[in-house]
Amino acid sequence: VLVEHDMELVMRVSDTVVVLHFGRKIAEGTGHEVQNHPEVIHV
């Protein structure tokens, strides 16, 4: 379980990416899916 700010590393090694915002999960999926998730883009 990798907590990290370096997005290049995250997208390189991760199978699943979970995105948190103010303590709430707003997205989960592959790196590509998270990159294109509407709420992630908006936030």
PDB file of all heavy atoms in Angstrom:
ATOM      1  N   VAL A   1       0.883  -1.170   0.000  1.00  0.00           N
ATOM      2  CA  VAL A   1       0.000   0.000   0.000  1.00  0.00           C
ATOM      3  C   VAL A   1       0.911   1.207   0.000  1.00  0.00           C
ATOM      4  O   VAL A   1       1.699   1.414   0.926  1.00  0.00           O
ATOM      5  CB  VAL A   1      -0.939   0.025   1.218  1.00  0.00           C
ATOM      6  CG1 VAL A   1      -1.750   1.322   1.241  1.00  0.00           C
ATOM      7  CG2 VAL A   1      -1.889  -1.173   1.184  1.00  0.00           C
ATOM      8  N   LEU A   2       0.824   1.993  -1.054  1.00  0.00           N
ATOM      9  CA  LEU A   2       1.766   3.080  -1.308  1.00  0.00           C
ATOM     10  C   LEU A   2       1.079   4.432  -1.163  1.00  0.00           C
ATOM     11  O   LEU A   2       0.215   4.785  -1.961  1.00  0.00           O
ATOM     12  CB  LEU A   2       2.341   2.918  -2.722  1.00  0.00           C
ATOM     13  CG  LEU A   2       3.230   4.026  -3.278  1.00  0.00           C
ATOM     14  CD1 LEU A   2       4.518   4.129  -2.483  1.00  0.00           C
ATOM     15  CD2 LEU A   2       3.529   3.766  -4.758  1.00  0.00           C
ATOM     16  N   VAL A   3       1.457   5.181  -0.127  1.00  0.00           N
ATOM     17  CA  VAL A   3       1.017   6.572   0.011  1.00  0.00           C
ATOM     18  C   VAL A   3       2.116   7.438  -0.587  1.00  0.00           C
ATOM     19  O   VAL A   3       3.262   7.413  -0.119  1.00  0.00           O
ATOM     20  CB  VAL A   3       0.778   6.937   1.485  1.00  0.00           C
ATOM     21  CG1 VAL A   3       0.574   8.443   1.639  1.00  0.00           C
ATOM     22  CG2 VAL A   3      -0.433   6.194   2.025  1.00  0.00           C
ATOM     23  N   GLU A   4       1.784   8.187  -1.622  1.00  0.00           N
ATOM     24  CA  GLU A   4       2.844   8.908  -2.336  1.00  0.00           C
ATOM     25  C   GLU A   4       2.297  10.106  -3.093  1.00  0.00           C
ATOM     26  O   GLU A   4       1.154  10.098  -3.552  1.00  0.00           O
ATOM     27  CB  GLU A   4       3.543   7.940  -3.312  1.00  0.00           C
ATOM     28  CG  GLU A   4       4.770   8.478  -3.989  1.00  0.00           C
ATOM     29  CD  GLU A   4       5.748   9.093  -3.013  1.00  0.00           C
ATOM     30  OE1 GLU A   4       6.302   8.372  -2.147  1.00  0.00           O
ATOM     31  OE2 GLU A   4       5.946  10.329  -3.096  1.00  0.00           O
ATOM     32  N   HIS A   5       3.144  11.155  -3.205  1.00  0.00           N
ATOM     33  CA  HIS A   5       2.787  12.347  -3.976  1.00  0.00           C
ATOM     34  C   HIS A   5       3.388  12.321  -5.383  1.00  0.00           C
ATOM     35  O   HIS A   5       2.946  13.069  -6.243  1.00  0.00           O
ATOM     36  CB  HIS A   5       3.285  13.606  -3.261  1.00  0.00           C
ATOM     37  CG  HIS A   5       2.504  13.960  -2.036  1.00  0.00           C
ATOM     38  ND1 HIS A   5       1.236  14.500  -2.088  1.00  0.00           N
ATOM     39  CD2 HIS A   5       2.802  13.859  -0.721  1.00  0.00           C
ATOM     40  CE1 HIS A   5       0.794  14.719  -0.862  1.00  0.00           C
ATOM     41  NE2 HIS A   5       1.726  14.333  -0.009  1.00  0.00           N
ATOM     42  N   ASP A   6       4.402  11.516  -5.603  1.00  0.00           N
ATOM     43  CA  ASP A   6       5.066  11.473  -6.899  1.00  0.00           C
ATOM     44  C   ASP A   6       4.190  10.686  -7.875  1.00  0.00           C
ATOM     45  O   ASP A   6       4.179   9.455  -7.888  1.00  0.00           O
ATOM     46  CB  ASP A   6       6.442  10.808  -6.748  1.00  0.00           C
ATOM     47  CG  ASP A   6       7.298  10.918  -8.006  1.00  0.00           C
ATOM     48  OD1 ASP A   6       6.769  10.627  -9.104  1.00  0.00           O
ATOM     49  OD2 ASP A   6       8.472  11.286  -7.895  1.00  0.00           O
ATOM     50  N   MET A   7       3.478  11.414  -8.713  1.00  0.00           N
ATOM     51  CA  MET A   7       2.503  10.780  -9.599  1.00  0.00           C
ATOM     52  C   MET A   7       3.151   9.950 -10.703  1.00  0.00           C
ATOM     53  O   MET A   7       2.580   8.962 -11.163  1.00  0.00           O
ATOM     54  CB  MET A   7       1.574  11.832 -10.221  1.00  0.00           C
ATOM     55  CG  MET A   7       0.595  12.425  -9.230  1.00  0.00           C
ATOM     56  SD  MET A   7      -0.455  11.157  -8.468  1.00  0.00           S
ATOM     57  CE  MET A   7       0.316  11.002  -6.864  1.00  0.00           C
ATOM     58  N   GLU A   8       4.346  10.313 -11.103  1.00  0.00           N
ATOM     59  CA  GLU A   8       5.027   9.517 -12.120  1.00  0.00           C
ATOM     60  C   GLU A   8       5.330   8.126 -11.578  1.00  0.00           C
ATOM     61  O   GLU A   8       5.119   7.116 -12.264  1.00  0.00           O
ATOM     62  CB  GLU A   8       6.322  10.212 -12.555  1.00  0.00           C
ATOM     63  CG  GLU A   8       7.034   9.505 -13.695  1.00  0.00           C
ATOM     64  CD  GLU A   8       8.231  10.279 -14.212  1.00  0.00           C
ATOM     65  OE1 GLU A   8       8.346  11.481 -13.899  1.00  0.00           O
ATOM     66  OE2 GLU A   8       9.057   9.670 -14.927  1.00  0.00           O
ATOM     67  N   LEU A   9       5.792   8.059 -10.335  1.00  0.00           N
ATOM     68  CA  LEU A   9       6.045   6.771  -9.706  1.00  0.00           C
ATOM     69  C   LEU A   9       4.748   5.997  -9.503  1.00  0.00           C
ATOM     70  O   LEU A   9       4.674   4.795  -9.789  1.00  0.00           O
ATOM     71  CB  LEU A   9       6.750   6.968  -8.354  1.00  0.00           C
ATOM     72  CG  LEU A   9       6.980   5.691  -7.545  1.00  0.00           C
ATOM     73  CD1 LEU A   9       8.037   4.824  -8.215  1.00  0.00           C
ATOM     74  CD2 LEU A   9       7.379   6.020  -6.108  1.00  0.00           C
ATOM     75  N   VAL A  10       3.718   6.677  -9.011  1.00  0.00           N
ATOM     76  CA  VAL A  10       2.431   6.028  -8.755  1.00  0.00           C
ATOM     77  C   VAL A  10       1.889   5.399 -10.029  1.00  0.00           C
ATOM     78  O   VAL A  10       1.463   4.231 -10.038  1.00  0.00           O
ATOM     79  CB  VAL A  10       1.426   7.046  -8.177  1.00  0.00           C
ATOM     80  CG1 VAL A  10       0.011   6.482  -8.210  1.00  0.00           C
ATOM     81  CG2 VAL A  10       1.805   7.415  -6.748  1.00  0.00           C
ATOM     82  N   MET A  11       1.899   6.146 -11.119  1.00  0.00           N
ATOM     83  CA  MET A  11       1.354   5.628 -12.371  1.00  0.00           C
ATOM     84  C   MET A  11       2.220   4.509 -12.947  1.00  0.00           C
ATOM     85  O   MET A  11       1.732   3.630 -13.649  1.00  0.00           O
ATOM     86  CB  MET A  11       1.193   6.760 -13.387  1.00  0.00           C
ATOM     87  CG  MET A  11       0.212   7.831 -12.944  1.00  0.00           C
ATOM     88  SD  MET A  11      -1.428   7.162 -12.571  1.00  0.00           S
ATOM     89  CE  MET A  11      -2.185   8.545 -11.696  1.00  0.00           C
ATOM     90  N   ARG A  12       3.499   4.537 -12.627  1.00  0.00           N
ATOM     91  CA  ARG A  12       4.406   3.500 -13.138  1.00  0.00           C
ATOM     92  C   ARG A  12       4.189   2.160 -12.444  1.00  0.00           C
ATOM     93  O   ARG A  12       4.149   1.125 -13.114  1.00  0.00           O
ATOM     94  CB  ARG A  12       5.859   3.951 -12.948  1.00  0.00           C
ATOM     95  CG  ARG A  12       6.888   2.855 -13.198  1.00  0.00           C
ATOM     96  CD  ARG A  12       8.287   3.276 -12.780  1.00  0.00           C
ATOM     97  NE  ARG A  12       9.170   2.124 -12.633  1.00  0.00           N
ATOM     98  CZ  ARG A  12      10.395   2.180 -12.134  1.00  0.00           C
ATOM     99  NH1 ARG A  12      10.898   3.337 -11.744  1.00  0.00           N
ATOM    100  NH2 ARG A  12      11.124   1.086 -12.027  1.00  0.00           N
ATOM    101  N   VAL A  13       4.037   2.149 -11.122  1.00  0.00           N
ATOM    102  CA  VAL A  13       4.093   0.876 -10.390  1.00  0.00           C
ATOM    103  C   VAL A  13       2.741   0.363  -9.902  1.00  0.00           C
ATOM    104  O   VAL A  13       2.618  -0.820  -9.577  1.00  0.00           O
ATOM    105  CB  VAL A  13       5.048   0.988  -9.172  1.00  0.00           C
ATOM    106  CG1 VAL A  13       6.434   1.430  -9.614  1.00  0.00           C
ATOM    107  CG2 VAL A  13       4.497   1.922  -8.097  1.00  0.00           C
ATOM    108  N   SER A  14       1.726   1.208  -9.838  1.00  0.00           N
ATOM    109  CA  SER A  14       0.485   0.831  -9.153  1.00  0.00           C
ATOM    110  C   SER A  14      -0.463   0.018 -10.036  1.00  0.00           C
ATOM    111  O   SER A  14      -0.621   0.294 -11.224  1.00  0.00           O
ATOM    112  CB  SER A  14      -0.248   2.083  -8.663  1.00  0.00           C
ATOM    113  OG  SER A  14       0.566   2.807  -7.766  1.00  0.00           O
ATOM    114  N   ASP A  15      -1.103  -0.965  -9.407  1.00  0.00           N
ATOM    115  CA  ASP A  15      -2.176  -1.705 -10.067  1.00  0.00           C
ATOM    116  C   ASP A  15      -3.512  -1.007  -9.854  1.00  0.00           C
ATOM    117  O   ASP A  15      -4.369  -1.001 -10.734  1.00  0.00           O
ATOM    118  CB  ASP A  15      -2.252  -3.126  -9.502  1.00  0.00           C
ATOM    119  CG  ASP A  15      -0.974  -3.901  -9.751  1.00  0.00           C
ATOM    120  OD1 ASP A  15      -0.756  -4.326 -10.892  1.00  0.00           O
ATOM    121  OD2 ASP A  15      -0.184  -4.072  -8.799  1.00  0.00           O
ATOM    122  N   THR A  16      -3.696  -0.431  -8.663  1.00  0.00           N
ATOM    123  CA  THR A  16      -4.922   0.276  -8.305  1.00  0.00           C
ATOM    124  C   THR A  16      -4.550   1.583  -7.629  1.00  0.00           C
ATOM    125  O   THR A  16      -3.608   1.630  -6.835  1.00  0.00           O
ATOM    126  CB  THR A  16      -5.786  -0.562  -7.342  1.00  0.00           C
ATOM    127  OG1 THR A  16      -6.081  -1.823  -7.948  1.00  0.00           O
ATOM    128  CG2 THR A  16      -7.085   0.151  -7.003  1.00  0.00           C
ATOM    129  N   VAL A  17      -5.289   2.630  -7.952  1.00  0.00           N
ATOM    130  CA  VAL A  17      -5.070   3.939  -7.334  1.00  0.00           C
ATOM    131  C   VAL A  17      -6.353   4.369  -6.636  1.00  0.00           C
ATOM    132  O   VAL A  17      -7.435   4.352  -7.237  1.00  0.00           O
ATOM    133  CB  VAL A  17      -4.664   5.003  -8.376  1.00  0.00           C
ATOM    134  CG1 VAL A  17      -4.448   6.361  -7.700  1.00  0.00           C
ATOM    135  CG2 VAL A  17      -3.400   4.574  -9.116  1.00  0.00           C
ATOM    136  N   VAL A  18      -6.243   4.713  -5.362  1.00  0.00           N
ATOM    137  CA  VAL A  18      -7.364   5.219  -4.566  1.00  0.00           C
ATOM    138  C   VAL A  18      -7.106   6.700  -4.300  1.00  0.00           C
ATOM    139  O   VAL A  18      -6.023   7.072  -3.835  1.00  0.00           O
ATOM    140  CB  VAL A  18      -7.475   4.454  -3.226  1.00  0.00           C
ATOM    141  CG1 VAL A  18      -8.578   5.045  -2.367  1.00  0.00           C
ATOM    142  CG2 VAL A  18      -7.709   2.975  -3.475  1.00  0.00           C
ATOM    143  N   VAL A  19      -8.087   7.530  -4.598  1.00  0.00           N
ATOM    144  CA  VAL A  19      -7.935   8.978  -4.416  1.00  0.00           C
ATOM    145  C   VAL A  19      -8.793   9.440  -3.242  1.00  0.00           C
ATOM    146  O   VAL A  19     -10.003   9.196  -3.219  1.00  0.00           O
ATOM    147  CB  VAL A  19      -8.347   9.754  -5.690  1.00  0.00           C
ATOM    148  CG1 VAL A  19      -8.034  11.245  -5.517  1.00  0.00           C
ATOM    149  CG2 VAL A  19      -7.626   9.205  -6.919  1.00  0.00           C
ATOM    150  N   LEU A  20      -8.169  10.096  -2.276  1.00  0.00           N
ATOM    151  CA  LEU A  20      -8.878  10.655  -1.129  1.00  0.00           C
ATOM    152  C   LEU A  20      -8.913  12.170  -1.229  1.00  0.00           C
ATOM    153  O   LEU A  20      -7.971  12.802  -1.733  1.00  0.00           O
ATOM    154  CB  LEU A  20      -8.190  10.259   0.184  1.00  0.00           C
ATOM    155  CG  LEU A  20      -8.045   8.770   0.497  1.00  0.00           C
ATOM    156  CD1 LEU A  20      -7.424   8.579   1.881  1.00  0.00           C
ATOM    157  CD2 LEU A  20      -9.385   8.053   0.415  1.00  0.00           C
ATOM    158  N   HIS A  21      -9.996  12.740  -0.719  1.00  0.00           N
ATOM    159  CA  HIS A  21     -10.139  14.202  -0.677  1.00  0.00           C
ATOM    160  C   HIS A  21     -10.948  14.548   0.564  1.00  0.00           C
ATOM    161  O   HIS A  21     -12.095  14.120   0.707  1.00  0.00           O
ATOM    162  CB  HIS A  21     -10.843  14.707  -1.933  1.00  0.00           C
ATOM    163  CG  HIS A  21     -10.945  16.197  -2.007  1.00  0.00           C
ATOM    164  ND1 HIS A  21      -9.854  17.033  -1.921  1.00  0.00           N
ATOM    165  CD2 HIS A  21     -12.032  17.007  -2.175  1.00  0.00           C
ATOM    166  CE1 HIS A  21     -10.250  18.293  -2.025  1.00  0.00           C
ATOM    167  NE2 HIS A  21     -11.567  18.306  -2.171  1.00  0.00           N
ATOM    168  N   PHE A  22     -10.332  15.286   1.493  1.00  0.00           N
ATOM    169  CA  PHE A  22     -10.965  15.625   2.774  1.00  0.00           C
ATOM    170  C   PHE A  22     -11.503  14.376   3.484  1.00  0.00           C
ATOM    171  O   PHE A  22     -12.616  14.375   4.011  1.00  0.00           O
ATOM    172  CB  PHE A  22     -12.079  16.661   2.577  1.00  0.00           C
ATOM    173  CG  PHE A  22     -11.561  18.025   2.219  1.00  0.00           C
ATOM    174  CD1 PHE A  22     -12.018  18.664   1.076  1.00  0.00           C
ATOM    175  CD2 PHE A  22     -10.634  18.678   3.018  1.00  0.00           C
ATOM    176  CE1 PHE A  22     -11.553  19.925   0.733  1.00  0.00           C
ATOM    177  CE2 PHE A  22     -10.163  19.936   2.678  1.00  0.00           C
ATOM    178  CZ  PHE A  22     -10.605  20.566   1.530  1.00  0.00           C
ATOM    179  N   GLY A  23     -10.707  13.303   3.465  1.00  0.00           N
ATOM    180  CA  GLY A  23     -11.071  12.096   4.187  1.00  0.00           C
ATOM    181  C   GLY A  23     -12.056  11.181   3.489  1.00  0.00           C
ATOM    182  O   GLY A  23     -12.390  10.121   4.017  1.00  0.00           O
ATOM    183  N   ARG A  24     -12.486  11.552   2.305  1.00  0.00           N
ATOM    184  CA  ARG A  24     -13.477  10.760   1.575  1.00  0.00           C
ATOM    185  C   ARG A  24     -12.870  10.202   0.302  1.00  0.00           C
ATOM    186  O   ARG A  24     -12.106  10.890  -0.386  1.00  0.00           O
ATOM    187  CB  ARG A  24     -14.680  11.642   1.224  1.00  0.00           C
ATOM    188  CG  ARG A  24     -15.835  10.930   0.551  1.00  0.00           C
ATOM    189  CD  ARG A  24     -17.017  11.880   0.361  1.00  0.00           C
ATOM    190  NE  ARG A  24     -16.673  13.007  -0.488  1.00  0.00           N
ATOM    191  CZ  ARG A  24     -16.798  13.009  -1.816  1.00  0.00           C
ATOM    192  NH1 ARG A  24     -17.247  11.928  -2.454  1.00  0.00           N
ATOM    193  NH2 ARG A  24     -16.474  14.083  -2.521  1.00  0.00           N
ATOM    194  N   LYS A  25     -13.190   8.956  -0.023  1.00  0.00           N
ATOM    195  CA  LYS A  25     -12.719   8.385  -1.286  1.00  0.00           C
ATOM    196  C   LYS A  25     -13.561   8.932  -2.433  1.00  0.00           C
ATOM    197  O   LYS A  25     -14.781   8.771  -2.444  1.00  0.00           O
ATOM    198  CB  LYS A  25     -12.811   6.856  -1.257  1.00  0.00           C
ATOM    199  CG  LYS A  25     -12.218   6.207  -2.505  1.00  0.00           C
ATOM    200  CD  LYS A  25     -12.208   4.683  -2.416  1.00  0.00           C
ATOM    201  CE  LYS A  25     -13.582   4.101  -2.663  1.00  0.00           C
ATOM    202  NZ  LYS A  25     -13.546   2.612  -2.743  1.00  0.00           N
ATOM    203  N   ILE A  26     -12.884   9.544  -3.412  1.00  0.00           N
ATOM    204  CA  ILE A  26     -13.627  10.107  -4.546  1.00  0.00           C
ATOM    205  C   ILE A  26     -13.413   9.312  -5.822  1.00  0.00           C
ATOM    206  O   ILE A  26     -14.153   9.518  -6.804  1.00  0.00           O
ATOM    207  CB  ILE A  26     -13.262  11.588  -4.784  1.00  0.00           C
ATOM    208  CG1 ILE A  26     -11.777  11.736  -5.148  1.00  0.00           C
ATOM    209  CG2 ILE A  26     -13.606  12.427  -3.554  1.00  0.00           C
ATOM    210  CD1 ILE A  26     -11.420  13.149  -5.598  1.00  0.00           C
ATOM    211  N   ALA A  27     -12.413   8.423  -5.834  1.00  0.00           N
ATOM    212  CA  ALA A  27     -12.184   7.632  -7.047  1.00  0.00           C
ATOM    213  C   ALA A  27     -11.321   6.426  -6.716  1.00  0.00           C
ATOM    214  O   ALA A  27     -10.535   6.452  -5.764  1.00  0.00           O
ATOM    215  CB  ALA A  27     -11.511   8.471  -8.133  1.00  0.00           C
ATOM    216  N   GLU A  28     -11.467   5.380  -7.515  1.00  0.00           N
ATOM    217  CA  GLU A  28     -10.629   4.184  -7.396  1.00  0.00           C
ATOM    218  C   GLU A  28     -10.603   3.479  -8.733  1.00  0.00           C
ATOM    219  O   GLU A  28     -11.629   3.359  -9.409  1.00  0.00           O
ATOM    220  CB  GLU A  28     -11.160   3.231  -6.322  1.00  0.00           C
ATOM    221  CG  GLU A  28     -10.330   1.962  -6.160  1.00  0.00           C
ATOM    222  CD  GLU A  28     -10.838   1.066  -5.038  1.00  0.00           C
ATOM    223  OE1 GLU A  28     -11.867   1.406  -4.411  1.00  0.00           O
ATOM    224  OE2 GLU A  28     -10.210   0.021  -4.792  1.00  0.00           O
ATOM    225  N   GLY A  29      -9.432   3.050  -9.143  1.00  0.00           N
ATOM    226  CA  GLY A  29      -9.313   2.345 -10.412  1.00  0.00           C
ATOM    227  C   GLY A  29      -7.866   2.284 -10.846  1.00  0.00           C
ATOM    228  O   GLY A  29      -6.948   2.509 -10.068  1.00  0.00           O
ATOM    229  N   THR A  30      -7.648   1.968 -12.119  1.00  0.00           N
ATOM    230  CA  THR A  30      -6.294   1.997 -12.662  1.00  0.00           C
ATOM    231  C   THR A  30      -5.824   3.442 -12.768  1.00  0.00           C
ATOM    232  O   THR A  30      -6.623   4.387 -12.644  1.00  0.00           O
ATOM    233  CB  THR A  30      -6.261   1.351 -14.050  1.00  0.00           C
ATOM    234  OG1 THR A  30      -7.047   2.155 -14.956  1.00  0.00           O
ATOM    235  CG2 THR A  30      -6.813  -0.067 -14.020  1.00  0.00           C
ATOM    236  N   GLY A  31      -4.540   3.614 -13.024  1.00  0.00           N
ATOM    237  CA  GLY A  31      -4.022   4.968 -13.176  1.00  0.00           C
ATOM    238  C   GLY A  31      -4.739   5.725 -14.272  1.00  0.00           C
ATOM    239  O   GLY A  31      -5.087   6.899 -14.110  1.00  0.00           O
ATOM    240  N   HIS A  32      -4.973   5.055 -15.399  1.00  0.00           N
ATOM    241  CA  HIS A  32      -5.665   5.702 -16.519  1.00  0.00           C
ATOM    242  C   HIS A  32      -7.087   6.099 -16.131  1.00  0.00           C
ATOM    243  O   HIS A  32      -7.544   7.207 -16.453  1.00  0.00           O
ATOM    244  CB  HIS A  32      -5.694   4.761 -17.727  1.00  0.00           C
ATOM    245  CG  HIS A  32      -6.447   5.295 -18.898  1.00  0.00           C
ATOM    246  ND1 HIS A  32      -5.944   6.288 -19.722  1.00  0.00           N
ATOM    247  CD2 HIS A  32      -7.690   4.990 -19.382  1.00  0.00           C
ATOM    248  CE1 HIS A  32      -6.839   6.565 -20.661  1.00  0.00           C
ATOM    249  NE2 HIS A  32      -7.897   5.784 -20.478  1.00  0.00           N
ATOM    250  N   GLU A  33      -7.788   5.208 -15.427  1.00  0.00           N
ATOM    251  CA  GLU A  33      -9.167   5.507 -15.032  1.00  0.00           C
ATOM    252  C   GLU A  33      -9.220   6.689 -14.069  1.00  0.00           C
ATOM    253  O   GLU A  33     -10.095   7.563 -14.192  1.00  0.00           O
ATOM    254  CB  GLU A  33      -9.798   4.274 -14.388  1.00  0.00           C
ATOM    255  CG  GLU A  33     -10.064   3.139 -15.374  1.00  0.00           C
ATOM    256  CD  GLU A  33     -10.418   1.835 -14.686  1.00  0.00           C
ATOM    257  OE1 GLU A  33     -10.146   1.682 -13.474  1.00  0.00           O
ATOM    258  OE2 GLU A  33     -10.974   0.950 -15.360  1.00  0.00           O
ATOM    259  N   VAL A  34      -8.297   6.724 -13.136  1.00  0.00           N
ATOM    260  CA  VAL A  34      -8.279   7.828 -12.159  1.00  0.00           C
ATOM    261  C   VAL A  34      -7.926   9.140 -12.834  1.00  0.00           C
ATOM    262  O   VAL A  34      -8.506  10.182 -12.527  1.00  0.00           O
ATOM    263  CB  VAL A  34      -7.282   7.487 -11.026  1.00  0.00           C
ATOM    264  CG1 VAL A  34      -6.956   8.726 -10.202  1.00  0.00           C
ATOM    265  CG2 VAL A  34      -7.852   6.395 -10.132  1.00  0.00           C
ATOM    266  N   GLN A  35      -6.971   9.111 -13.770  1.00  0.00           N
ATOM    267  CA  GLN A  35      -6.578  10.320 -14.492  1.00  0.00           C
ATOM    268  C   GLN A  35      -7.760  10.957 -15.213  1.00  0.00           C
ATOM    269  O   GLN A  35      -7.812  12.178 -15.373  1.00  0.00           O
ATOM    270  CB  GLN A  35      -5.488  10.002 -15.512  1.00  0.00           C
ATOM    271  CG  GLN A  35      -4.098   9.835 -14.917  1.00  0.00           C
ATOM    272  CD  GLN A  35      -3.081   9.513 -15.990  1.00  0.00           C
ATOM    273  OE1 GLN A  35      -3.358   8.744 -16.916  1.00  0.00           O
ATOM    274  NE2 GLN A  35      -1.897  10.096 -15.881  1.00  0.00           N
ATOM    275  N   ASN A  36      -8.686  10.126 -15.650  1.00  0.00           N
ATOM    276  CA  ASN A  36      -9.807  10.625 -16.447  1.00  0.00           C
ATOM    277  C   ASN A  36     -11.125  10.653 -15.672  1.00  0.00           C
ATOM    278  O   ASN A  36     -12.182  10.848 -16.263  1.00  0.00           O
ATOM    279  CB  ASN A  36      -9.967   9.760 -17.700  1.00  0.00           C
ATOM    280  CG  ASN A  36      -8.803   9.913 -18.660  1.00  0.00           C
ATOM    281  OD1 ASN A  36      -8.735  10.863 -19.426  1.00  0.00           O
ATOM    282  ND2 ASN A  36      -7.871   8.976 -18.595  1.00  0.00           N
ATOM    283  N   HIS A  37     -11.051  10.465 -14.348  1.00  0.00           N
ATOM    284  CA  HIS A  37     -12.259  10.484 -13.522  1.00  0.00           C
ATOM    285  C   HIS A  37     -12.750  11.930 -13.378  1.00  0.00           C
ATOM    286  O   HIS A  37     -11.986  12.816 -12.977  1.00  0.00           O
ATOM    287  CB  HIS A  37     -11.958   9.884 -12.153  1.00  0.00           C
ATOM    288  CG  HIS A  37     -13.185   9.625 -11.331  1.00  0.00           C
ATOM    289  ND1 HIS A  37     -13.856  10.634 -10.666  1.00  0.00           N
ATOM    290  CD2 HIS A  37     -13.853   8.467 -11.060  1.00  0.00           C
ATOM    291  CE1 HIS A  37     -14.876  10.108 -10.020  1.00  0.00           C
ATOM    292  NE2 HIS A  37     -14.903   8.806 -10.241  1.00  0.00           N
ATOM    293  N   PRO A  38     -14.015  12.219 -13.679  1.00  0.00           N
ATOM    294  CA  PRO A  38     -14.512  13.600 -13.660  1.00  0.00           C
ATOM    295  C   PRO A  38     -14.309  14.308 -12.334  1.00  0.00           C
ATOM    296  O   PRO A  38     -13.914  15.493 -12.310  1.00  0.00           O
ATOM    297  CB  PRO A  38     -16.014  13.437 -13.979  1.00  0.00           C
ATOM    298  CG  PRO A  38     -16.099  12.137 -14.718  1.00  0.00           C
ATOM    299  CD  PRO A  38     -15.048  11.258 -14.127  1.00  0.00           C
ATOM    300  N   GLU A  39     -14.572  13.623 -11.210  1.00  0.00           N
ATOM    301  CA  GLU A  39     -14.440  14.296  -9.918  1.00  0.00           C
ATOM    302  C   GLU A  39     -12.981  14.576  -9.589  1.00  0.00           C
ATOM    303  O   GLU A  39     -12.657  15.620  -9.012  1.00  0.00           O
ATOM    304  CB  GLU A  39     -15.074  13.459  -8.804  1.00  0.00           C
ATOM    305  CG  GLU A  39     -15.175  14.226  -7.486  1.00  0.00           C
ATOM    306  CD  GLU A  39     -16.015  13.514  -6.445  1.00  0.00           C
ATOM    307  OE1 GLU A  39     -16.546  12.421  -6.736  1.00  0.00           O
ATOM    308  OE2 GLU A  39     -16.153  14.061  -5.338  1.00  0.00           O
ATOM    309  N   VAL A  40     -12.099  13.683  -9.971  1.00  0.00           N
ATOM    310  CA  VAL A  40     -10.669  13.912  -9.735  1.00  0.00           C
ATOM    311  C   VAL A  40     -10.193  15.105 -10.549  1.00  0.00           C
ATOM    312  O   VAL A  40      -9.475  15.982 -10.047  1.00  0.00           O
ATOM    313  CB  VAL A  40      -9.848  12.656 -10.091  1.00  0.00           C
ATOM    314  CG1 VAL A  40      -8.352  12.932  -9.965  1.00  0.00           C
ATOM    315  CG2 VAL A  40     -10.241  11.501  -9.187  1.00  0.00           C
ATOM    316  N   ILE A  41     -10.587  15.163 -11.795  1.00  0.00           N
ATOM    317  CA  ILE A  41     -10.218  16.299 -12.656  1.00  0.00           C
ATOM    318  C   ILE A  41     -10.752  17.597 -12.073  1.00  0.00           C
ATOM    319  O   ILE A  41     -10.049  18.613 -12.003  1.00  0.00           O
ATOM    320  CB  ILE A  41     -10.749  16.085 -14.085  1.00  0.00           C
ATOM    321  CG1 ILE A  41     -10.029  14.905 -14.752  1.00  0.00           C
ATOM    322  CG2 ILE A  41     -10.565  17.352 -14.912  1.00  0.00           C
ATOM    323  CD1 ILE A  41     -10.596  14.524 -16.102  1.00  0.00           C
ATOM    324  N   HIS A  42     -11.991  17.581 -11.615  1.00  0.00           N
ATOM    325  CA  HIS A  42     -12.602  18.790 -11.060  1.00  0.00           C
ATOM    326  C   HIS A  42     -11.898  19.244  -9.792  1.00  0.00           C
ATOM    327  O   HIS A  42     -11.587  20.428  -9.624  1.00  0.00           O
ATOM    328  CB  HIS A  42     -14.077  18.546 -10.762  1.00  0.00           C
ATOM    329  CG  HIS A  42     -14.752  19.714 -10.112  1.00  0.00           C
ATOM    330  ND1 HIS A  42     -15.088  20.866 -10.806  1.00  0.00           N
ATOM    331  CD2 HIS A  42     -15.126  19.932  -8.817  1.00  0.00           C
ATOM    332  CE1 HIS A  42     -15.647  21.724  -9.975  1.00  0.00           C
ATOM    333  NE2 HIS A  42     -15.681  21.187  -8.760  1.00  0.00           N
ATOM    334  N   VAL A  43     -11.599  18.291  -8.895  1.00  0.00           N
ATOM    335  CA  VAL A  43     -11.005  18.644  -7.607  1.00  0.00           C
ATOM    336  C   VAL A  43      -9.583  19.143  -7.764  1.00  0.00           C
ATOM    337  O   VAL A  43      -9.190  20.147  -7.173  1.00  0.00           O
ATOM    338  CB  VAL A  43     -11.040  17.437  -6.648  1.00  0.00           C
ATOM    339  CG1 VAL A  43     -10.157  17.677  -5.428  1.00  0.00           C
ATOM    340  CG2 VAL A  43     -12.475  17.160  -6.209  1.00  0.00           C
TER     341      VAL A  43
END
